[in-house]
Amino acid sequence: MSQKKLAELTGIRANTISEWYNEITVSLKVEHIDRICEVLGCSLDELIEVIPNKVPKTGKYLVIEEHGNRKPKREGCDG
C-alpha cells in the first residue's frame, strides 16, 4: 500500500506518514497508530519495533528538560 493510499484511508496527513516512514518524527499519536493498525489489519507489535536506547535515558541518566515557556525557578521563590 502506498503512503498516499494509507493517508487517504486513515485521514492522517501524507506528510506525517512520510515522516514516520523516514524516521524523521520523534513522537507518534496513539490515535494515528490505532487508525493505521485498523486499516492494515495488524496489531501494534506488528507495526512498531522497539529498539532499546544505546545510552539509557531514565533513572540516574535522566535529564530534566524545560518545556514550552516555563522559566526555571529562582532560589528562594515559591512560585
PDB file of N, CA and C in Angstrom:
ATOM      1  N   MET A   1       0.849  -1.174   0.000  1.00  0.00           N
ATOM      2  CA  MET A   1       0.000   0.000   0.000  1.00  0.00           C
ATOM      3  C   MET A   1       0.897   1.239   0.000  1.00  0.00           C
ATOM      4  N   SER A   2       0.528   2.206  -0.785  1.00  0.00           N
ATOM      5  CA  SER A   2       1.313   3.439  -0.856  1.00  0.00           C
ATOM      6  C   SER A   2       1.032   4.322   0.360  1.00  0.00           C
ATOM      7  N   GLN A   3       1.961   5.227   0.635  1.00  0.00           N
ATOM      8  CA  GLN A   3       1.768   6.178   1.720  1.00  0.00           C
ATOM      9  C   GLN A   3       0.553   7.058   1.437  1.00  0.00           C
ATOM     10  N   LYS A   4       0.369   7.422   0.179  1.00  0.00           N
ATOM     11  CA  LYS A   4      -0.764   8.254  -0.214  1.00  0.00           C
ATOM     12  C   LYS A   4      -2.080   7.548   0.092  1.00  0.00           C
ATOM     13  N   LYS A   5      -2.169   6.257  -0.252  1.00  0.00           N
ATOM     14  CA  LYS A   5      -3.390   5.488  -0.007  1.00  0.00           C
ATOM     15  C   LYS A   5      -3.632   5.344   1.494  1.00  0.00           C
ATOM     16  N   LEU A   6      -2.574   5.069   2.249  1.00  0.00           N
ATOM     17  CA  LEU A   6      -2.700   4.954   3.702  1.00  0.00           C
ATOM     18  C   LEU A   6      -3.204   6.263   4.295  1.00  0.00           C
ATOM     19  N   ALA A   7      -2.709   7.380   3.797  1.00  0.00           N
ATOM     20  CA  ALA A   7      -3.163   8.685   4.265  1.00  0.00           C
ATOM     21  C   ALA A   7      -4.648   8.873   3.975  1.00  0.00           C
ATOM     22  N   GLU A   8      -5.072   8.501   2.781  1.00  0.00           N
ATOM     23  CA  GLU A   8      -6.483   8.632   2.408  1.00  0.00           C
ATOM     24  C   GLU A   8      -7.382   7.783   3.299  1.00  0.00           C
ATOM     25  N   LEU A   9      -6.969   6.562   3.581  1.00  0.00           N
ATOM     26  CA  LEU A   9      -7.793   5.634   4.354  1.00  0.00           C
ATOM     27  C   LEU A   9      -7.830   5.949   5.849  1.00  0.00           C
ATOM     28  N   THR A  10      -6.770   6.571   6.351  1.00  0.00           N
ATOM     29  CA  THR A  10      -6.691   6.854   7.786  1.00  0.00           C
ATOM     30  C   THR A  10      -7.065   8.283   8.144  1.00  0.00           C
ATOM     31  N   GLY A  11      -7.003   9.191   7.170  1.00  0.00           N
ATOM     32  CA  GLY A  11      -7.232  10.595   7.463  1.00  0.00           C
ATOM     33  C   GLY A  11      -6.021  11.278   8.069  1.00  0.00           C
ATOM     34  N   ILE A  12      -4.879  10.613   8.024  1.00  0.00           N
ATOM     35  CA  ILE A  12      -3.629  11.177   8.540  1.00  0.00           C
ATOM     36  C   ILE A  12      -2.923  11.874   7.378  1.00  0.00           C
ATOM     37  N   ARG A  13      -2.357  13.038   7.622  1.00  0.00           N
ATOM     38  CA  ARG A  13      -1.669  13.766   6.557  1.00  0.00           C
ATOM     39  C   ARG A  13      -0.571  12.910   5.925  1.00  0.00           C
ATOM     40  N   ALA A  14      -0.448  12.984   4.618  1.00  0.00           N
ATOM     41  CA  ALA A  14       0.582  12.222   3.896  1.00  0.00           C
ATOM     42  C   ALA A  14       1.981  12.610   4.377  1.00  0.00           C
ATOM     43  N   ASN A  15       2.186  13.882   4.696  1.00  0.00           N
ATOM     44  CA  ASN A  15       3.497  14.319   5.206  1.00  0.00           C
ATOM     45  C   ASN A  15       3.836  13.642   6.526  1.00  0.00           C
ATOM     46  N   THR A  16       2.829  13.463   7.378  1.00  0.00           N
ATOM     47  CA  THR A  16       3.047  12.801   8.665  1.00  0.00           C
ATOM     48  C   THR A  16       3.459  11.352   8.453  1.00  0.00           C
ATOM     49  N   ILE A  17       2.776  10.658   7.570  1.00  0.00           N
ATOM     50  CA  ILE A  17       3.116   9.261   7.279  1.00  0.00           C
ATOM     51  C   ILE A  17       4.513   9.169   6.688  1.00  0.00           C
ATOM     52  N   SER A  18       4.861  10.080   5.815  1.00  0.00           N
ATOM     53  CA  SER A  18       6.196  10.112   5.223  1.00  0.00           C
ATOM     54  C   SER A  18       7.267  10.326   6.293  1.00  0.00           C
ATOM     55  N   GLU A  19       6.996  11.224   7.242  1.00  0.00           N
ATOM     56  CA  GLU A  19       7.953  11.474   8.322  1.00  0.00           C
ATOM     57  C   GLU A  19       8.160  10.228   9.177  1.00  0.00           C
ATOM     58  N   TRP A  20       7.080   9.487   9.451  1.00  0.00           N
ATOM     59  CA  TRP A  20       7.219   8.236  10.208  1.00  0.00           C
ATOM     60  C   TRP A  20       8.051   7.242   9.415  1.00  0.00           C
ATOM     61  N   TYR A  21       7.707   7.079   8.147  1.00  0.00           N
ATOM     62  CA  TYR A  21       8.398   6.107   7.293  1.00  0.00           C
ATOM     63  C   TYR A  21       9.892   6.403   7.224  1.00  0.00           C
ATOM     64  N   ASN A  22      10.236   7.667   7.126  1.00  0.00           N
ATOM     65  CA  ASN A  22      11.643   8.064   7.007  1.00  0.00           C
ATOM     66  C   ASN A  22      12.311   8.308   8.359  1.00  0.00           C
ATOM     67  N   GLU A  23      11.607   7.958   9.436  1.00  0.00           N
ATOM     68  CA  GLU A  23      12.115   8.068  10.803  1.00  0.00           C
ATOM     69  C   GLU A  23      12.584   9.476  11.145  1.00  0.00           C
ATOM     70  N   ILE A  24      11.812  10.468  10.695  1.00  0.00           N
ATOM     71  CA  ILE A  24      12.120  11.870  10.974  1.00  0.00           C
ATOM     72  C   ILE A  24      11.422  12.317  12.249  1.00  0.00           C
ATOM     73  N   THR A  25      10.227  11.828  12.487  1.00  0.00           N
ATOM     74  CA  THR A  25       9.434  12.256  13.634  1.00  0.00           C
ATOM     75  C   THR A  25       9.941  11.628  14.926  1.00  0.00           C
ATOM     76  N   VAL A  26       9.718  12.309  16.034  1.00  0.00           N
ATOM     77  CA  VAL A  26      10.166  11.794  17.323  1.00  0.00           C
ATOM     78  C   VAL A  26       9.022  11.291  18.192  1.00  0.00           C
ATOM     79  N   SER A  27       7.784  11.530  17.757  1.00  0.00           N
ATOM     80  CA  SER A  27       6.651  11.041  18.541  1.00  0.00           C
ATOM     81  C   SER A  27       5.514  10.632  17.611  1.00  0.00           C
ATOM     82  N   LEU A  28       4.672   9.759  18.129  1.00  0.00           N
ATOM     83  CA  LEU A  28       3.517   9.269  17.381  1.00  0.00           C
ATOM     84  C   LEU A  28       2.268   9.463  18.223  1.00  0.00           C
ATOM     85  N   LYS A  29       1.166   9.809  17.593  1.00  0.00           N
ATOM     86  CA  LYS A  29      -0.103   9.931  18.303  1.00  0.00           C
ATOM     87  C   LYS A  29      -0.742   8.548  18.384  1.00  0.00           C
ATOM     88  N   VAL A  30      -1.225   8.196  19.558  1.00  0.00           N
ATOM     89  CA  VAL A  30      -1.872   6.906  19.767  1.00  0.00           C
ATOM     90  C   VAL A  30      -3.052   6.737  18.811  1.00  0.00           C
ATOM     91  N   GLU A  31      -3.822   7.789  18.604  1.00  0.00           N
ATOM     92  CA  GLU A  31      -4.966   7.733  17.693  1.00  0.00           C
ATOM     93  C   GLU A  31      -4.526   7.370  16.273  1.00  0.00           C
ATOM     94  N   HIS A  32      -3.403   7.923  15.832  1.00  0.00           N
ATOM     95  CA  HIS A  32      -2.905   7.610  14.493  1.00  0.00           C
ATOM     96  C   HIS A  32      -2.441   6.156  14.396  1.00  0.00           C
ATOM     97  N   ILE A  33      -1.766   5.683  15.428  1.00  0.00           N
ATOM     98  CA  ILE A  33      -1.324   4.287  15.439  1.00  0.00           C
ATOM     99  C   ILE A  33      -2.534   3.359  15.356  1.00  0.00           C
ATOM    100  N   ASP A  34      -3.574   3.691  16.123  1.00  0.00           N
ATOM    101  CA  ASP A  34      -4.803   2.898  16.116  1.00  0.00           C
ATOM    102  C   ASP A  34      -5.424   2.860  14.724  1.00  0.00           C
ATOM    103  N   ARG A  35      -5.476   3.997  14.055  1.00  0.00           N
ATOM    104  CA  ARG A  35      -6.054   4.056  12.707  1.00  0.00           C
ATOM    105  C   ARG A  35      -5.249   3.223  11.710  1.00  0.00           C
ATOM    106  N   ILE A  36      -3.925   3.319  11.800  1.00  0.00           N
ATOM    107  CA  ILE A  36      -3.076   2.560  10.878  1.00  0.00           C
ATOM    108  C   ILE A  36      -3.259   1.064  11.100  1.00  0.00           C
ATOM    109  N   CYS A  37      -3.275   0.635  12.354  1.00  0.00           N
ATOM    110  CA  CYS A  37      -3.493  -0.786  12.650  1.00  0.00           C
ATOM    111  C   CYS A  37      -4.845  -1.249  12.126  1.00  0.00           C
ATOM    112  N   GLU A  38      -5.861  -0.423  12.271  1.00  0.00           N
ATOM    113  CA  GLU A  38      -7.195  -0.773  11.790  1.00  0.00           C
ATOM    114  C   GLU A  38      -7.199  -0.952  10.276  1.00  0.00           C
ATOM    115  N   VAL A  39      -6.606  -0.020   9.554  1.00  0.00           N
ATOM    116  CA  VAL A  39      -6.575  -0.090   8.091  1.00  0.00           C
ATOM    117  C   VAL A  39      -5.741  -1.277   7.609  1.00  0.00           C
ATOM    118  N   LEU A  40      -4.602  -1.513   8.259  1.00  0.00           N
ATOM    119  CA  LEU A  40      -3.712  -2.596   7.821  1.00  0.00           C
ATOM    120  C   LEU A  40      -4.105  -3.960   8.384  1.00  0.00           C
ATOM    121  N   GLY A  41      -5.029  -3.963   9.339  1.00  0.00           N
ATOM    122  CA  GLY A  41      -5.442  -5.227   9.952  1.00  0.00           C
ATOM    123  C   GLY A  41      -4.315  -5.880  10.723  1.00  0.00           C
ATOM    124  N   CYS A  42      -3.585  -5.054  11.479  1.00  0.00           N
ATOM    125  CA  CYS A  42      -2.445  -5.588  12.229  1.00  0.00           C
ATOM    126  C   CYS A  42      -2.509  -5.136  13.676  1.00  0.00           C
ATOM    127  N   SER A  43      -1.607  -5.667  14.490  1.00  0.00           N
ATOM    128  CA  SER A  43      -1.519  -5.263  15.893  1.00  0.00           C
ATOM    129  C   SER A  43      -0.327  -4.328  16.060  1.00  0.00           C
ATOM    130  N   LEU A  44      -0.278  -3.679  17.212  1.00  0.00           N
ATOM    131  CA  LEU A  44       0.779  -2.719  17.497  1.00  0.00           C
ATOM    132  C   LEU A  44       2.168  -3.342  17.361  1.00  0.00           C
ATOM    133  N   ASP A  45       2.358  -4.546  17.897  1.00  0.00           N
ATOM    134  CA  ASP A  45       3.680  -5.170  17.843  1.00  0.00           C
ATOM    135  C   ASP A  45       4.084  -5.577  16.423  1.00  0.00           C
ATOM    136  N   GLU A  46       3.127  -5.679  15.518  1.00  0.00           N
ATOM    137  CA  GLU A  46       3.453  -5.941  14.116  1.00  0.00           C
ATOM    138  C   GLU A  46       3.829  -4.646  13.387  1.00  0.00           C
ATOM    139  N   LEU A  47       3.395  -3.523  13.929  1.00  0.00           N
ATOM    140  CA  LEU A  47       3.610  -2.229  13.290  1.00  0.00           C
ATOM    141  C   LEU A  47       4.885  -1.547  13.765  1.00  0.00           C
ATOM    142  N   ILE A  48       5.173  -1.647  15.050  1.00  0.00           N
ATOM    143  CA  ILE A  48       6.277  -0.899  15.647  1.00  0.00           C
ATOM    144  C   ILE A  48       7.293  -1.850  16.270  1.00  0.00           C
ATOM    145  N   GLU A  49       8.544  -1.619  15.961  1.00  0.00           N
ATOM    146  CA  GLU A  49       9.635  -2.380  16.563  1.00  0.00           C
ATOM    147  C   GLU A  49      10.287  -1.511  17.632  1.00  0.00           C
ATOM    148  N   VAL A  50      10.440  -2.043  18.814  1.00  0.00           N
ATOM    149  CA  VAL A  50      11.083  -1.308  19.899  1.00  0.00           C
ATOM    150  C   VAL A  50      12.568  -1.626  19.872  1.00  0.00           C
ATOM    151  N   ILE A  51      13.370  -0.582  19.730  1.00  0.00           N
ATOM    152  CA  ILE A  51      14.825  -0.727  19.739  1.00  0.00           C
ATOM    153  C   ILE A  51      15.341   0.025  20.956  1.00  0.00           C
ATOM    154  N   PRO A  52      15.972  -0.684  21.894  1.00  0.00           N
ATOM    155  CA  PRO A  52      16.444  -0.023  23.111  1.00  0.00           C
ATOM    156  C   PRO A  52      17.432   1.109  22.801  1.00  0.00           C
ATOM    157  N   ASN A  53      17.411   2.144  23.649  1.00  0.00           N
ATOM    158  CA  ASN A  53      18.361   3.248  23.505  1.00  0.00           C
ATOM    159  C   ASN A  53      19.779   2.742  23.727  1.00  0.00           C
ATOM    160  N   LYS A  54      20.728   3.259  22.962  1.00  0.00           N
ATOM    161  CA  LYS A  54      22.133   2.886  23.159  1.00  0.00           C
ATOM    162  C   LYS A  54      22.631   3.432  24.488  1.00  0.00           C
ATOM    163  N   VAL A  55      22.164   4.612  24.838  1.00  0.00           N
ATOM    164  CA  VAL A  55      22.505   5.238  26.113  1.00  0.00           C
ATOM    165  C   VAL A  55      21.214   5.358  26.908  1.00  0.00           C
ATOM    166  N   PRO A  56      21.168   4.800  28.117  1.00  0.00           N
ATOM    167  CA  PRO A  56      19.944   4.895  28.917  1.00  0.00           C
ATOM    168  C   PRO A  56      19.507   6.342  29.104  1.00  0.00           C
ATOM    169  N   LYS A  57      18.189   6.556  29.185  1.00  0.00           N
ATOM    170  CA  LYS A  57      17.645   7.908  29.343  1.00  0.00           C
ATOM    171  C   LYS A  57      16.777   8.041  30.579  1.00  0.00           C
ATOM    172  N   THR A  58      16.790   7.041  31.439  1.00  0.00           N
ATOM    173  CA  THR A  58      15.979   7.074  32.652  1.00  0.00           C
ATOM    174  C   THR A  58      16.849   6.782  33.862  1.00  0.00           C
ATOM    175  N   GLY A  59      16.231   6.821  35.047  1.00  0.00           N
ATOM    176  CA  GLY A  59      16.963   6.536  36.278  1.00  0.00           C
ATOM    177  C   GLY A  59      18.070   7.548  36.505  1.00  0.00           C
ATOM    178  N   LYS A  60      19.260   7.084  36.800  1.00  0.00           N
ATOM    179  CA  LYS A  60      20.370   8.002  37.082  1.00  0.00           C
ATOM    180  C   LYS A  60      20.815   8.762  35.840  1.00  0.00           C
ATOM    181  N   TYR A  61      20.368   8.345  34.663  1.00  0.00           N
ATOM    182  CA  TYR A  61      20.728   9.010  33.406  1.00  0.00           C
ATOM    183  C   TYR A  61      19.694  10.058  32.977  1.00  0.00           C
ATOM    184  N   LEU A  62      18.622  10.198  33.762  1.00  0.00           N
ATOM    185  CA  LEU A  62      17.527  11.095  33.416  1.00  0.00           C
ATOM    186  C   LEU A  62      17.983  12.547  33.351  1.00  0.00           C
ATOM    187  N   VAL A  63      17.615  13.209  32.260  1.00  0.00           N
ATOM    188  CA  VAL A  63      17.890  14.627  32.104  1.00  0.00           C
ATOM    189  C   VAL A  63      16.544  15.336  32.093  1.00  0.00           C
ATOM    190  N   ILE A  64      16.346  16.245  33.032  1.00  0.00           N
ATOM    191  CA  ILE A  64      15.099  17.002  33.104  1.00  0.00           C
ATOM    192  C   ILE A  64      15.169  18.123  32.079  1.00  0.00           C
ATOM    193  N   GLU A  65      14.193  18.134  31.185  1.00  0.00           N
ATOM    194  CA  GLU A  65      14.162  19.152  30.135  1.00  0.00           C
ATOM    195  C   GLU A  65      13.129  20.210  30.475  1.00  0.00           C
ATOM    196  N   GLU A  66      13.432  21.457  30.117  1.00  0.00           N
ATOM    197  CA  GLU A  66      12.459  22.524  30.266  1.00  0.00           C
ATOM    198  C   GLU A  66      11.501  22.448  29.094  1.00  0.00           C
ATOM    199  N   HIS A  67      10.241  22.747  29.325  1.00  0.00           N
ATOM    200  CA  HIS A  67       9.225  22.662  28.282  1.00  0.00           C
ATOM    201  C   HIS A  67       8.566  24.015  28.058  1.00  0.00           C
ATOM    202  N   GLY A  68       8.248  24.278  26.814  1.00  0.00           N
ATOM    203  CA  GLY A  68       7.482  25.472  26.481  1.00  0.00           C
ATOM    204  C   GLY A  68       8.128  26.746  26.973  1.00  0.00           C
ATOM    205  N   ASN A  69       7.317  27.604  27.558  1.00  0.00           N
ATOM    206  CA  ASN A  69       7.787  28.912  28.015  1.00  0.00           C
ATOM    207  C   ASN A  69       8.092  28.934  29.502  1.00  0.00           C
ATOM    208  N   ARG A  70       8.130  27.782  30.111  1.00  0.00           N
ATOM    209  CA  ARG A  70       8.415  27.760  31.545  1.00  0.00           C
ATOM    210  C   ARG A  70       9.807  28.310  31.809  1.00  0.00           C
ATOM    211  N   LYS A  71       9.911  29.040  32.884  1.00  0.00           N
ATOM    212  CA  LYS A  71      11.206  29.577  33.266  1.00  0.00           C
ATOM    213  C   LYS A  71      11.688  28.816  34.489  1.00  0.00           C
ATOM    214  N   PRO A  72      12.995  28.624  34.593  1.00  0.00           N
ATOM    215  CA  PRO A  72      13.498  27.933  35.781  1.00  0.00           C
ATOM    216  C   PRO A  72      13.160  28.712  37.039  1.00  0.00           C
ATOM    217  N   LYS A  73      12.855  27.986  38.098  1.00  0.00           N
ATOM    218  CA  LYS A  73      12.547  28.639  39.371  1.00  0.00           C
ATOM    219  C   LYS A  73      13.808  29.262  39.935  1.00  0.00           C
ATOM    220  N   ARG A  74      13.633  30.459  40.502  1.00  0.00           N
ATOM    221  CA  ARG A  74      14.761  31.116  41.157  1.00  0.00           C
ATOM    222  C   ARG A  74      14.799  30.630  42.606  1.00  0.00           C
ATOM    223  N   GLU A  75      15.991  30.527  43.128  1.00  0.00           N
ATOM    224  CA  GLU A  75      16.123  30.107  44.527  1.00  0.00           C
ATOM    225  C   GLU A  75      15.443  31.107  45.428  1.00  0.00           C
ATOM    226  N   GLY A  76      14.736  30.610  46.412  1.00  0.00           N
ATOM    227  CA  GLY A  76      14.066  31.469  47.376  1.00  0.00           C
ATOM    228  C   GLY A  76      12.675  31.896  46.945  1.00  0.00           C
ATOM    229  N   CYS A  77      12.239  31.506  45.750  1.00  0.00           N
ATOM    230  CA  CYS A  77      10.907  31.865  45.271  1.00  0.00           C
ATOM    231  C   CYS A  77       9.974  30.660  45.406  1.00  0.00           C
ATOM    232  N   ASP A  78       8.735  30.919  45.748  1.00  0.00           N
ATOM    233  CA  ASP A  78       7.771  29.843  45.877  1.00  0.00           C
ATOM    234  C   ASP A  78       6.892  29.738  44.642  1.00  0.00           C
ATOM    235  N   GLY A  79       7.071  30.503  43.632  1.00  0.00           N
ATOM    236  CA  GLY A  79       6.128  30.445  42.547  1.00  0.00           C
ATOM    237  C   GLY A  79       6.704  30.723  41.253  1.00  0.00           C
TER     238      GLY A  79
END
